[in-house]
Amino acid sequence: MKSPFSRKWSVLPARAVGDRELKERELRVLGALCVFANRAGVCWPAMETLCNMTGYAERMTIHSAMKVLKRRRYVRQLSPKDYQETSSGWKSNRYQVLWDGDEALPTYEDIHIATPLQVRSDDELDAKDIGGMGDADLVSRASDQPEAAAITHAYIRAVQQATGQVRLYDNEIAHARRLAVAGYTAADVSAATLNVCDKAIERRAGVPSLYDVAQGML
C-alpha cells in the first residue's frame, strides 16, 4: 500500500533492531511514531494516522503495540498536566520516543514545537521552512543584500538539521546583516549554528536565535 505521507524516512532507536521481544507490529508502530518525532522524541500522530501508516485496520492492534513499547521503555505517554495545559487537555495523545530508554521528560518547548526530525534537500524546502517565504521571494529579498540573505538561509537550514525546529526569516535578517558586515559567510554561520544548537540541546535549553549564534562569533 502506498503511503499517503510525504516523509520518506524515520529515525528508529537502534536498540529496537536487536530486541527479540518486539514483534513486527511493535516495530511498525514505533517506526510510525518516529516519522513524526522531533529531536527530543516528541510526537502526536492521531490513532487514525498510525493505523493508515502501519496498515493495521484495528485500533486495538495499535493500542496493544503501544502497551509493549511503553513497558519496554521505547515510548512514554506524556501527561498534559505536566505542562500546565488547559482543562480541556490535548486533542490527541502525545508521546516521547525514548532513544536510550532513560531520557528526561521533554521541555515545554519540545512539547509545543514538534517539527519532525528530518533533513530536507534544497529542492524539498517549502514556504514554512523559511518563515512563510517561497524560494522566489527569498531570492527577491536577497537582491539588495545577498550575503545577509544567504547567512539567514544557512542559519535556518542548520537549525532545522540540528533540532527539527523552524525559525522565521524576518526575525533573523537583522542579525545576519551584522554578520555579513563583519565578513562572515553562510558556511561560517552554518557551522557555528550547528555547534551552538548541539550545546543548547545538551543543556536542554531553547532553540538558539541567530542573535545567540552571532554573540559567539562577533
N, C-alpha and C. Protein backbone atom coordinates (compact mmCIF):
# COMPACT_ATOMS: atom_id res chain seq x y z
N MET A 1 0.84 -1.19 0.00
CA MET A 1 0.00 0.00 0.00
C MET A 1 0.88 1.25 0.00
N LYS A 2 0.63 2.14 -0.89
CA LYS A 2 1.42 3.37 -0.97
C LYS A 2 1.07 4.31 0.17
N SER A 3 2.10 4.81 0.84
CA SER A 3 1.88 5.70 1.97
C SER A 3 1.34 7.04 1.50
N PRO A 4 0.36 7.60 2.23
CA PRO A 4 -0.18 8.92 1.87
C PRO A 4 0.69 10.05 2.41
N PHE A 5 1.82 9.73 3.03
CA PHE A 5 2.64 10.74 3.67
C PHE A 5 3.89 11.02 2.85
N SER A 6 4.32 12.28 2.85
CA SER A 6 5.44 12.69 2.02
C SER A 6 6.79 12.39 2.66
N ARG A 7 6.84 12.19 3.98
CA ARG A 7 8.12 11.94 4.63
C ARG A 7 8.63 10.56 4.24
N LYS A 8 9.90 10.49 3.88
CA LYS A 8 10.43 9.27 3.29
C LYS A 8 11.12 8.36 4.29
N TRP A 9 11.40 8.85 5.50
CA TRP A 9 12.11 8.00 6.46
C TRP A 9 11.83 8.41 7.89
N SER A 10 12.18 7.54 8.82
CA SER A 10 12.10 7.86 10.24
C SER A 10 13.36 7.34 10.92
N VAL A 11 13.69 7.92 12.07
CA VAL A 11 14.88 7.53 12.82
C VAL A 11 14.44 6.64 13.96
N LEU A 12 14.74 5.36 13.86
CA LEU A 12 14.32 4.36 14.83
C LEU A 12 15.41 4.17 15.89
N PRO A 13 15.05 4.01 17.18
CA PRO A 13 16.07 3.70 18.18
C PRO A 13 16.84 2.45 17.78
N ALA A 14 18.15 2.54 17.73
CA ALA A 14 18.96 1.42 17.25
C ALA A 14 18.78 0.16 18.09
N ARG A 15 18.53 0.35 19.38
CA ARG A 15 18.39 -0.81 20.27
C ARG A 15 17.17 -1.66 19.93
N ALA A 16 16.20 -1.06 19.22
CA ALA A 16 14.99 -1.80 18.87
C ALA A 16 15.27 -2.87 17.81
N VAL A 17 16.30 -2.65 17.00
CA VAL A 17 16.59 -3.57 15.90
C VAL A 17 16.94 -4.96 16.42
N GLY A 18 17.69 -5.01 17.51
CA GLY A 18 18.10 -6.31 18.04
C GLY A 18 17.25 -6.82 19.18
N ASP A 19 16.15 -6.16 19.47
CA ASP A 19 15.28 -6.55 20.58
C ASP A 19 14.32 -7.65 20.11
N ARG A 20 14.61 -8.88 20.51
CA ARG A 20 13.81 -10.01 20.05
C ARG A 20 12.44 -10.09 20.73
N GLU A 21 12.24 -9.26 21.73
CA GLU A 21 10.94 -9.23 22.40
C GLU A 21 9.91 -8.43 21.60
N LEU A 22 10.40 -7.64 20.66
CA LEU A 22 9.49 -6.82 19.85
C LEU A 22 9.01 -7.61 18.63
N LYS A 23 7.71 -7.61 18.43
CA LYS A 23 7.14 -8.26 17.27
C LYS A 23 7.06 -7.26 16.12
N GLU A 24 6.64 -7.75 14.97
CA GLU A 24 6.53 -6.88 13.80
C GLU A 24 5.61 -5.69 14.07
N ARG A 25 4.50 -5.94 14.76
CA ARG A 25 3.55 -4.84 14.99
C ARG A 25 4.17 -3.74 15.83
N GLU A 26 4.97 -4.11 16.85
CA GLU A 26 5.62 -3.10 17.69
C GLU A 26 6.63 -2.29 16.88
N LEU A 27 7.40 -2.97 16.04
CA LEU A 27 8.38 -2.26 15.22
C LEU A 27 7.70 -1.31 14.24
N ARG A 28 6.58 -1.75 13.68
CA ARG A 28 5.84 -0.90 12.74
C ARG A 28 5.30 0.35 13.43
N VAL A 29 4.71 0.15 14.59
CA VAL A 29 4.14 1.29 15.32
C VAL A 29 5.25 2.22 15.79
N LEU A 30 6.35 1.67 16.28
CA LEU A 30 7.48 2.50 16.70
C LEU A 30 8.03 3.30 15.51
N GLY A 31 8.17 2.63 14.38
CA GLY A 31 8.65 3.33 13.19
C GLY A 31 7.71 4.44 12.75
N ALA A 32 6.40 4.20 12.88
CA ALA A 32 5.41 5.22 12.50
C ALA A 32 5.50 6.42 13.45
N LEU A 33 5.67 6.18 14.74
CA LEU A 33 5.83 7.28 15.69
C LEU A 33 7.07 8.09 15.36
N CYS A 34 8.14 7.40 15.01
CA CYS A 34 9.41 8.07 14.73
C CYS A 34 9.35 8.96 13.49
N VAL A 35 8.43 8.66 12.58
CA VAL A 35 8.26 9.52 11.41
C VAL A 35 7.92 10.94 11.83
N PHE A 36 7.20 11.07 12.95
CA PHE A 36 6.72 12.38 13.39
C PHE A 36 7.52 12.96 14.56
N ALA A 37 8.50 12.21 15.07
CA ALA A 37 9.23 12.64 16.26
C ALA A 37 10.24 13.73 15.96
N ASN A 38 10.40 14.67 16.92
CA ASN A 38 11.44 15.68 16.77
C ASN A 38 12.70 15.20 17.49
N ARG A 39 13.69 16.09 17.64
CA ARG A 39 14.97 15.69 18.24
C ARG A 39 14.79 15.15 19.66
N ALA A 40 13.78 15.64 20.37
CA ALA A 40 13.52 15.19 21.74
C ALA A 40 12.62 13.95 21.76
N GLY A 41 12.23 13.45 20.58
CA GLY A 41 11.37 12.28 20.51
C GLY A 41 9.89 12.58 20.61
N VAL A 42 9.52 13.86 20.69
CA VAL A 42 8.13 14.24 20.88
C VAL A 42 7.33 14.12 19.59
N CYS A 43 6.15 13.56 19.68
CA CYS A 43 5.26 13.45 18.51
C CYS A 43 3.83 13.29 18.99
N TRP A 44 2.88 13.57 18.10
CA TRP A 44 1.47 13.36 18.46
C TRP A 44 0.62 12.96 17.26
N PRO A 45 0.98 11.90 16.55
CA PRO A 45 0.12 11.46 15.46
C PRO A 45 -1.19 10.91 16.00
N ALA A 46 -2.26 11.13 15.26
CA ALA A 46 -3.58 10.62 15.66
C ALA A 46 -3.61 9.11 15.47
N MET A 47 -4.51 8.44 16.16
CA MET A 47 -4.64 6.99 16.05
C MET A 47 -4.94 6.58 14.61
N GLU A 48 -5.79 7.35 13.94
CA GLU A 48 -6.11 7.05 12.54
C GLU A 48 -4.87 7.12 11.67
N THR A 49 -4.00 8.10 11.96
CA THR A 49 -2.76 8.24 11.21
C THR A 49 -1.87 7.02 11.40
N LEU A 50 -1.76 6.54 12.64
CA LEU A 50 -0.93 5.37 12.91
C LEU A 50 -1.50 4.13 12.23
N CYS A 51 -2.82 4.02 12.20
CA CYS A 51 -3.44 2.88 11.50
C CYS A 51 -3.13 2.93 10.02
N ASN A 52 -3.29 4.10 9.42
CA ASN A 52 -3.04 4.24 7.98
C ASN A 52 -1.58 3.96 7.63
N MET A 53 -0.68 4.45 8.46
CA MET A 53 0.74 4.31 8.16
C MET A 53 1.24 2.89 8.34
N THR A 54 0.74 2.20 9.37
CA THR A 54 1.21 0.84 9.64
C THR A 54 0.46 -0.22 8.84
N GLY A 55 -0.71 0.17 8.31
CA GLY A 55 -1.50 -0.80 7.56
C GLY A 55 -2.43 -1.64 8.41
N TYR A 56 -2.50 -1.32 9.72
CA TYR A 56 -3.40 -2.06 10.61
C TYR A 56 -4.77 -1.37 10.66
N ALA A 57 -5.81 -2.14 10.40
CA ALA A 57 -7.15 -1.56 10.35
C ALA A 57 -7.75 -1.38 11.74
N GLU A 58 -7.35 -2.22 12.69
CA GLU A 58 -7.93 -2.20 14.03
C GLU A 58 -7.10 -1.33 14.97
N ARG A 59 -7.74 -0.41 15.64
CA ARG A 59 -7.04 0.44 16.61
C ARG A 59 -6.49 -0.38 17.78
N MET A 60 -7.15 -1.49 18.09
CA MET A 60 -6.69 -2.32 19.20
C MET A 60 -5.29 -2.84 18.94
N THR A 61 -4.96 -3.06 17.67
CA THR A 61 -3.61 -3.52 17.33
C THR A 61 -2.58 -2.46 17.72
N ILE A 62 -2.92 -1.21 17.44
CA ILE A 62 -2.03 -0.11 17.80
C ILE A 62 -1.92 0.00 19.31
N HIS A 63 -3.06 -0.09 20.00
CA HIS A 63 -3.06 0.01 21.46
C HIS A 63 -2.21 -1.10 22.08
N SER A 64 -2.33 -2.31 21.55
CA SER A 64 -1.57 -3.44 22.08
C SER A 64 -0.07 -3.23 21.88
N ALA A 65 0.28 -2.74 20.70
CA ALA A 65 1.70 -2.48 20.42
C ALA A 65 2.23 -1.38 21.34
N MET A 66 1.41 -0.36 21.58
CA MET A 66 1.81 0.74 22.44
C MET A 66 2.10 0.25 23.86
N LYS A 67 1.28 -0.68 24.36
CA LYS A 67 1.49 -1.20 25.70
C LYS A 67 2.87 -1.85 25.82
N VAL A 68 3.24 -2.60 24.80
CA VAL A 68 4.55 -3.26 24.81
C VAL A 68 5.67 -2.23 24.72
N LEU A 69 5.51 -1.25 23.84
CA LEU A 69 6.54 -0.22 23.66
C LEU A 69 6.74 0.60 24.93
N LYS A 70 5.65 0.86 25.64
CA LYS A 70 5.75 1.61 26.90
C LYS A 70 6.43 0.74 27.96
N ARG A 71 6.05 -0.51 28.02
CA ARG A 71 6.61 -1.41 29.04
C ARG A 71 8.11 -1.60 28.83
N ARG A 72 8.54 -1.64 27.57
CA ARG A 72 9.96 -1.86 27.27
C ARG A 72 10.72 -0.54 27.10
N ARG A 73 10.07 0.54 27.47
CA ARG A 73 10.69 1.86 27.54
C ARG A 73 11.21 2.36 26.18
N TYR A 74 10.40 2.14 25.16
CA TYR A 74 10.66 2.75 23.86
C TYR A 74 9.78 3.99 23.67
N VAL A 75 8.69 4.04 24.40
CA VAL A 75 7.73 5.14 24.27
C VAL A 75 7.23 5.55 25.65
N ARG A 76 7.09 6.85 25.84
CA ARG A 76 6.49 7.39 27.06
C ARG A 76 5.27 8.20 26.66
N GLN A 77 4.13 7.96 27.29
CA GLN A 77 2.95 8.78 27.02
C GLN A 77 3.02 10.00 27.93
N LEU A 78 2.86 11.17 27.35
CA LEU A 78 3.01 12.42 28.08
C LEU A 78 1.68 12.88 28.64
N SER A 79 1.73 13.43 29.83
CA SER A 79 0.52 13.89 30.52
C SER A 79 0.36 15.40 30.38
N PRO A 80 -0.80 15.88 29.93
CA PRO A 80 -1.00 17.33 29.78
C PRO A 80 -0.74 18.11 31.07
N LYS A 81 -1.07 17.53 32.22
CA LYS A 81 -0.92 18.26 33.49
C LYS A 81 0.53 18.60 33.80
N ASP A 82 1.47 17.84 33.22
CA ASP A 82 2.88 18.11 33.45
C ASP A 82 3.35 19.38 32.75
N TYR A 83 2.53 19.88 31.83
CA TYR A 83 2.94 21.03 31.03
C TYR A 83 1.96 22.19 31.15
N GLN A 84 1.14 22.17 32.22
CA GLN A 84 0.24 23.26 32.54
C GLN A 84 -0.71 23.58 31.39
N GLU A 85 -1.26 22.53 30.80
CA GLU A 85 -2.24 22.72 29.73
C GLU A 85 -3.58 23.15 30.32
N THR A 86 -4.48 23.60 29.47
CA THR A 86 -5.81 23.99 29.93
C THR A 86 -6.59 22.75 30.32
N SER A 87 -7.71 22.95 31.00
CA SER A 87 -8.51 21.83 31.49
C SER A 87 -9.06 20.96 30.36
N SER A 88 -9.13 21.53 29.15
CA SER A 88 -9.66 20.76 28.03
C SER A 88 -8.67 19.72 27.54
N GLY A 89 -7.40 19.88 27.90
CA GLY A 89 -6.39 18.90 27.51
C GLY A 89 -6.02 18.96 26.05
N TRP A 90 -5.38 17.90 25.56
CA TRP A 90 -4.93 17.84 24.18
C TRP A 90 -5.96 17.10 23.33
N LYS A 91 -6.00 17.42 22.06
CA LYS A 91 -6.94 16.77 21.15
C LYS A 91 -6.47 15.37 20.76
N SER A 92 -5.17 15.10 20.85
CA SER A 92 -4.66 13.78 20.53
C SER A 92 -3.55 13.43 21.52
N ASN A 93 -3.26 12.15 21.63
CA ASN A 93 -2.22 11.71 22.55
C ASN A 93 -0.87 12.25 22.13
N ARG A 94 -0.04 12.56 23.12
CA ARG A 94 1.32 13.00 22.84
C ARG A 94 2.29 12.00 23.46
N TYR A 95 3.33 11.69 22.69
CA TYR A 95 4.27 10.66 23.10
C TYR A 95 5.70 11.20 23.03
N GLN A 96 6.58 10.48 23.71
CA GLN A 96 8.00 10.75 23.58
C GLN A 96 8.68 9.43 23.24
N VAL A 97 9.29 9.36 22.08
CA VAL A 97 10.09 8.19 21.72
C VAL A 97 11.38 8.26 22.53
N LEU A 98 11.74 7.16 23.17
CA LEU A 98 12.93 7.12 24.03
C LEU A 98 14.08 6.43 23.29
N TRP A 99 15.02 7.22 22.85
CA TRP A 99 16.13 6.67 22.07
C TRP A 99 16.97 5.71 22.93
N ASP A 100 17.23 6.12 24.18
CA ASP A 100 18.05 5.29 25.07
C ASP A 100 17.22 4.58 26.14
N GLY A 101 16.06 5.08 26.44
CA GLY A 101 15.20 4.44 27.42
C GLY A 101 15.14 5.15 28.76
N ASP A 102 16.07 6.08 28.99
CA ASP A 102 16.09 6.77 30.29
C ASP A 102 16.12 8.29 30.13
N GLU A 103 15.59 8.81 29.00
CA GLU A 103 15.59 10.24 28.76
C GLU A 103 14.74 10.98 29.78
N ALA A 104 15.13 12.22 30.07
CA ALA A 104 14.33 13.07 30.94
C ALA A 104 13.06 13.48 30.20
N LEU A 105 12.09 13.95 30.97
CA LEU A 105 10.88 14.47 30.34
C LEU A 105 11.24 15.64 29.43
N PRO A 106 10.55 15.79 28.30
CA PRO A 106 10.86 16.90 27.38
C PRO A 106 10.49 18.24 27.99
N THR A 107 11.08 19.29 27.47
CA THR A 107 10.78 20.63 27.94
C THR A 107 9.43 21.09 27.38
N TYR A 108 8.95 22.21 27.90
CA TYR A 108 7.71 22.80 27.41
C TYR A 108 7.83 23.11 25.92
N GLU A 109 9.00 23.61 25.51
CA GLU A 109 9.21 23.94 24.10
C GLU A 109 9.20 22.69 23.24
N ASP A 110 9.80 21.60 23.72
CA ASP A 110 9.79 20.35 22.98
C ASP A 110 8.37 19.87 22.72
N ILE A 111 7.51 20.08 23.70
CA ILE A 111 6.12 19.63 23.58
C ILE A 111 5.36 20.41 22.53
N HIS A 112 5.59 21.70 22.48
CA HIS A 112 4.77 22.57 21.64
C HIS A 112 5.33 22.83 20.25
N ILE A 113 6.59 22.50 20.03
CA ILE A 113 7.18 22.70 18.70
C ILE A 113 7.80 21.38 18.26
N ALA A 114 6.98 20.48 17.78
CA ALA A 114 7.46 19.15 17.43
C ALA A 114 7.54 18.94 15.93
N THR A 115 8.30 19.79 15.25
CA THR A 115 8.54 19.58 13.83
C THR A 115 9.33 18.28 13.66
N PRO A 116 8.93 17.39 12.76
CA PRO A 116 9.59 16.10 12.63
C PRO A 116 11.08 16.22 12.39
N LEU A 117 11.84 15.28 12.96
CA LEU A 117 13.27 15.23 12.78
C LEU A 117 13.56 14.74 11.38
N GLN A 118 13.86 15.68 10.48
CA GLN A 118 14.10 15.33 9.08
C GLN A 118 14.90 16.42 8.40
N VAL A 119 15.97 16.02 7.75
CA VAL A 119 16.78 16.96 6.98
C VAL A 119 16.27 16.95 5.55
N ARG A 120 15.90 18.10 5.06
CA ARG A 120 15.36 18.19 3.70
C ARG A 120 16.42 18.66 2.72
N SER A 121 16.32 18.17 1.52
CA SER A 121 17.23 18.63 0.49
C SER A 121 16.78 19.99 -0.01
N ASP A 122 17.64 20.67 -0.75
CA ASP A 122 17.33 22.02 -1.20
C ASP A 122 16.02 22.10 -1.97
N ASP A 123 15.77 21.10 -2.81
CA ASP A 123 14.57 21.20 -3.65
C ASP A 123 13.31 20.80 -2.89
N GLU A 124 13.44 20.33 -1.63
CA GLU A 124 12.27 19.99 -0.84
C GLU A 124 11.88 21.10 0.12
N LEU A 125 12.71 22.15 0.26
CA LEU A 125 12.40 23.23 1.19
C LEU A 125 11.15 23.94 0.72
N ASP A 126 10.17 24.09 1.65
CA ASP A 126 8.95 24.78 1.25
C ASP A 126 8.78 26.05 2.05
N ALA A 127 7.65 26.73 1.82
CA ALA A 127 7.46 28.07 2.37
C ALA A 127 7.58 28.13 3.87
N LYS A 128 7.03 27.14 4.59
CA LYS A 128 7.02 27.22 6.04
C LYS A 128 8.42 27.09 6.62
N ASP A 129 9.37 26.52 5.86
CA ASP A 129 10.73 26.36 6.37
C ASP A 129 11.48 27.67 6.40
N ILE A 130 11.01 28.67 5.66
CA ILE A 130 11.73 29.94 5.65
C ILE A 130 10.77 31.07 5.98
N GLY A 131 9.97 30.81 7.01
CA GLY A 131 9.11 31.86 7.54
C GLY A 131 8.00 32.31 6.64
N GLY A 132 7.42 31.39 5.85
CA GLY A 132 6.30 31.74 5.00
C GLY A 132 6.71 32.33 3.67
N MET A 133 8.02 32.29 3.38
CA MET A 133 8.51 32.83 2.10
C MET A 133 8.90 31.69 1.18
N GLY A 134 8.47 31.72 -0.04
CA GLY A 134 8.90 30.74 -1.02
C GLY A 134 10.31 31.08 -1.48
N ASP A 135 10.98 30.15 -2.19
CA ASP A 135 12.34 30.40 -2.66
C ASP A 135 12.42 31.63 -3.54
N ALA A 136 11.40 31.84 -4.37
CA ALA A 136 11.42 33.00 -5.27
C ALA A 136 11.42 34.30 -4.46
N ASP A 137 10.63 34.33 -3.39
CA ASP A 137 10.58 35.51 -2.55
C ASP A 137 11.92 35.74 -1.86
N LEU A 138 12.56 34.64 -1.46
CA LEU A 138 13.85 34.76 -0.79
C LEU A 138 14.88 35.35 -1.74
N VAL A 139 14.89 34.87 -2.97
CA VAL A 139 15.83 35.41 -3.95
C VAL A 139 15.54 36.89 -4.20
N SER A 140 14.24 37.24 -4.24
CA SER A 140 13.86 38.63 -4.45
C SER A 140 14.42 39.51 -3.35
N ARG A 141 14.28 39.09 -2.10
CA ARG A 141 14.80 39.87 -0.99
C ARG A 141 16.32 39.90 -0.99
N ALA A 142 16.91 38.83 -1.45
CA ALA A 142 18.36 38.72 -1.41
C ALA A 142 19.04 39.67 -2.40
N SER A 143 18.28 40.22 -3.34
CA SER A 143 18.89 41.06 -4.37
C SER A 143 19.57 42.29 -3.78
N ASP A 144 19.07 42.83 -2.68
CA ASP A 144 19.68 44.00 -2.07
C ASP A 144 20.87 43.64 -1.19
N GLN A 145 20.74 42.55 -0.42
CA GLN A 145 21.80 42.12 0.48
C GLN A 145 21.98 40.61 0.37
N PRO A 146 22.59 40.15 -0.70
CA PRO A 146 22.70 38.71 -0.93
C PRO A 146 23.47 37.98 0.16
N GLU A 147 24.50 38.61 0.72
CA GLU A 147 25.28 37.94 1.76
C GLU A 147 24.43 37.71 3.01
N ALA A 148 23.68 38.74 3.41
CA ALA A 148 22.84 38.62 4.60
C ALA A 148 21.73 37.60 4.39
N ALA A 149 21.14 37.58 3.21
CA ALA A 149 20.08 36.62 2.92
C ALA A 149 20.63 35.20 2.94
N ALA A 150 21.82 35.01 2.37
CA ALA A 150 22.43 33.68 2.36
C ALA A 150 22.75 33.21 3.78
N ILE A 151 23.21 34.13 4.62
CA ILE A 151 23.50 33.80 6.01
C ILE A 151 22.23 33.40 6.75
N THR A 152 21.15 34.16 6.53
CA THR A 152 19.88 33.83 7.18
C THR A 152 19.39 32.46 6.75
N HIS A 153 19.47 32.21 5.47
CA HIS A 153 19.03 30.93 4.92
C HIS A 153 19.86 29.79 5.50
N ALA A 154 21.18 29.99 5.60
CA ALA A 154 22.08 28.96 6.14
C ALA A 154 21.75 28.68 7.60
N TYR A 155 21.46 29.73 8.36
CA TYR A 155 21.10 29.57 9.77
C TYR A 155 19.82 28.76 9.91
N ILE A 156 18.79 29.09 9.13
CA ILE A 156 17.51 28.40 9.22
C ILE A 156 17.66 26.92 8.90
N ARG A 157 18.44 26.62 7.86
CA ARG A 157 18.66 25.22 7.49
C ARG A 157 19.42 24.47 8.58
N ALA A 158 20.43 25.11 9.16
CA ALA A 158 21.23 24.46 10.20
C ALA A 158 20.40 24.17 11.44
N VAL A 159 19.52 25.11 11.82
CA VAL A 159 18.65 24.89 12.98
C VAL A 159 17.72 23.71 12.71
N GLN A 160 17.17 23.65 11.51
CA GLN A 160 16.28 22.55 11.20
C GLN A 160 17.02 21.21 11.22
N GLN A 161 18.25 21.22 10.70
CA GLN A 161 19.05 19.99 10.69
C GLN A 161 19.36 19.53 12.11
N ALA A 162 19.72 20.47 12.97
CA ALA A 162 20.16 20.11 14.32
C ALA A 162 19.03 19.83 15.28
N THR A 163 17.90 20.53 15.13
CA THR A 163 16.84 20.43 16.13
C THR A 163 15.48 20.03 15.58
N GLY A 164 15.29 20.13 14.27
CA GLY A 164 13.97 19.87 13.70
C GLY A 164 13.03 21.04 13.83
N GLN A 165 13.50 22.16 14.36
CA GLN A 165 12.65 23.33 14.58
C GLN A 165 12.74 24.30 13.40
N VAL A 166 11.75 25.17 13.32
CA VAL A 166 11.66 26.15 12.24
C VAL A 166 11.83 27.55 12.81
N ARG A 167 12.68 28.35 12.20
CA ARG A 167 12.86 29.75 12.59
C ARG A 167 12.34 30.65 11.49
N LEU A 168 11.93 31.86 11.85
CA LEU A 168 11.36 32.80 10.89
C LEU A 168 12.45 33.69 10.28
N TYR A 169 12.41 33.80 8.98
CA TYR A 169 13.39 34.59 8.24
C TYR A 169 13.42 36.04 8.73
N ASP A 170 12.24 36.65 8.83
CA ASP A 170 12.17 38.07 9.19
C ASP A 170 12.73 38.37 10.58
N ASN A 171 12.69 37.38 11.47
CA ASN A 171 13.19 37.58 12.82
C ASN A 171 14.71 37.56 12.91
N GLU A 172 15.36 37.05 11.86
CA GLU A 172 16.81 36.82 11.94
C GLU A 172 17.63 37.68 10.99
N ILE A 173 17.00 38.31 10.00
CA ILE A 173 17.75 39.00 8.96
C ILE A 173 18.60 40.15 9.51
N ALA A 174 18.13 40.83 10.56
CA ALA A 174 18.91 41.95 11.10
C ALA A 174 20.25 41.47 11.65
N HIS A 175 20.24 40.33 12.33
CA HIS A 175 21.49 39.78 12.87
C HIS A 175 22.38 39.27 11.75
N ALA A 176 21.75 38.78 10.68
CA ALA A 176 22.52 38.31 9.53
C ALA A 176 23.27 39.47 8.88
N ARG A 177 22.66 40.64 8.85
CA ARG A 177 23.32 41.81 8.27
C ARG A 177 24.59 42.15 9.06
N ARG A 178 24.49 42.06 10.38
CA ARG A 178 25.67 42.34 11.21
C ARG A 178 26.81 41.38 10.90
N LEU A 179 26.45 40.12 10.74
CA LEU A 179 27.47 39.11 10.44
C LEU A 179 28.06 39.31 9.05
N ALA A 180 27.21 39.70 8.11
CA ALA A 180 27.69 39.94 6.75
C ALA A 180 28.66 41.12 6.72
N VAL A 181 28.33 42.18 7.45
CA VAL A 181 29.20 43.35 7.51
C VAL A 181 30.55 42.98 8.13
N ALA A 182 30.52 42.06 9.09
CA ALA A 182 31.75 41.63 9.76
C ALA A 182 32.57 40.67 8.92
N GLY A 183 32.04 40.27 7.76
CA GLY A 183 32.80 39.43 6.84
C GLY A 183 32.55 37.94 6.95
N TYR A 184 31.57 37.53 7.75
CA TYR A 184 31.29 36.11 7.88
C TYR A 184 30.47 35.61 6.69
N THR A 185 30.67 34.34 6.33
CA THR A 185 29.97 33.74 5.21
C THR A 185 28.86 32.83 5.70
N ALA A 186 28.03 32.37 4.76
CA ALA A 186 26.95 31.44 5.09
C ALA A 186 27.52 30.15 5.67
N ALA A 187 28.65 29.69 5.13
CA ALA A 187 29.29 28.47 5.62
C ALA A 187 29.75 28.65 7.06
N ASP A 188 30.31 29.83 7.38
CA ASP A 188 30.75 30.11 8.76
C ASP A 188 29.57 30.03 9.72
N VAL A 189 28.46 30.65 9.32
CA VAL A 189 27.28 30.71 10.18
C VAL A 189 26.64 29.34 10.33
N SER A 190 26.62 28.56 9.26
CA SER A 190 26.05 27.22 9.33
C SER A 190 26.80 26.36 10.35
N ALA A 191 28.13 26.39 10.28
CA ALA A 191 28.95 25.60 11.21
C ALA A 191 28.77 26.08 12.64
N ALA A 192 28.74 27.40 12.83
CA ALA A 192 28.58 27.96 14.17
C ALA A 192 27.20 27.63 14.73
N THR A 193 26.17 27.66 13.87
CA THR A 193 24.81 27.37 14.32
C THR A 193 24.68 25.92 14.78
N LEU A 194 25.24 25.00 14.02
CA LEU A 194 25.20 23.59 14.41
C LEU A 194 25.87 23.38 15.77
N ASN A 195 27.01 24.06 15.97
CA ASN A 195 27.74 23.94 17.23
C ASN A 195 26.92 24.49 18.40
N VAL A 196 26.32 25.67 18.21
CA VAL A 196 25.52 26.29 19.26
C VAL A 196 24.27 25.45 19.56
N CYS A 197 23.65 24.90 18.52
CA CYS A 197 22.46 24.06 18.72
C CYS A 197 22.80 22.81 19.52
N ASP A 198 23.92 22.18 19.20
CA ASP A 198 24.33 20.97 19.92
C ASP A 198 24.53 21.27 21.41
N LYS A 199 25.15 22.40 21.70
CA LYS A 199 25.38 22.78 23.10
C LYS A 199 24.05 23.09 23.80
N ALA A 200 23.13 23.71 23.08
CA ALA A 200 21.82 24.03 23.66
C ALA A 200 21.05 22.75 23.96
N ILE A 201 21.15 21.77 23.08
CA ILE A 201 20.46 20.50 23.29
C ILE A 201 21.02 19.79 24.52
N GLU A 202 22.34 19.83 24.68
CA GLU A 202 22.97 19.21 25.85
C GLU A 202 22.45 19.84 27.15
N ARG A 203 22.21 21.15 27.12
CA ARG A 203 21.73 21.86 28.31
C ARG A 203 20.21 21.80 28.42
N ARG A 204 19.56 21.20 27.40
CA ARG A 204 18.10 21.18 27.30
C ARG A 204 17.55 22.60 27.32
N ALA A 205 18.27 23.50 26.64
CA ALA A 205 17.86 24.90 26.51
C ALA A 205 16.99 25.05 25.27
N GLY A 206 16.50 26.26 25.04
CA GLY A 206 15.67 26.52 23.88
C GLY A 206 16.49 26.58 22.60
N VAL A 207 15.78 26.71 21.48
CA VAL A 207 16.45 26.80 20.18
C VAL A 207 17.15 28.16 20.09
N PRO A 208 18.45 28.19 19.81
CA PRO A 208 19.17 29.47 19.76
C PRO A 208 18.75 30.32 18.55
N SER A 209 18.63 31.60 18.77
CA SER A 209 18.35 32.53 17.68
C SER A 209 19.65 32.86 16.97
N LEU A 210 19.55 33.55 15.85
CA LEU A 210 20.76 33.96 15.15
C LEU A 210 21.54 34.97 15.99
N TYR A 211 20.82 35.71 16.83
CA TYR A 211 21.50 36.63 17.77
C TYR A 211 22.42 35.84 18.68
N ASP A 212 21.94 34.70 19.20
CA ASP A 212 22.76 33.85 20.08
C ASP A 212 24.01 33.34 19.36
N VAL A 213 23.81 32.95 18.10
CA VAL A 213 24.95 32.46 17.30
C VAL A 213 25.94 33.60 17.07
N ALA A 214 25.40 34.77 16.73
CA ALA A 214 26.25 35.91 16.43
C ALA A 214 27.07 36.35 17.64
N GLN A 215 26.49 36.22 18.84
CA GLN A 215 27.19 36.63 20.04
C GLN A 215 28.51 35.87 20.21
N GLY A 216 28.53 34.64 19.79
CA GLY A 216 29.74 33.84 19.90
C GLY A 216 30.72 34.06 18.76
N MET A 217 30.28 34.78 17.72
CA MET A 217 31.13 34.97 16.55
C MET A 217 31.72 36.38 16.48
N LEU A 218 30.97 37.36 16.97
CA LEU A 218 31.42 38.76 16.83
C LEU A 218 32.33 39.17 17.99
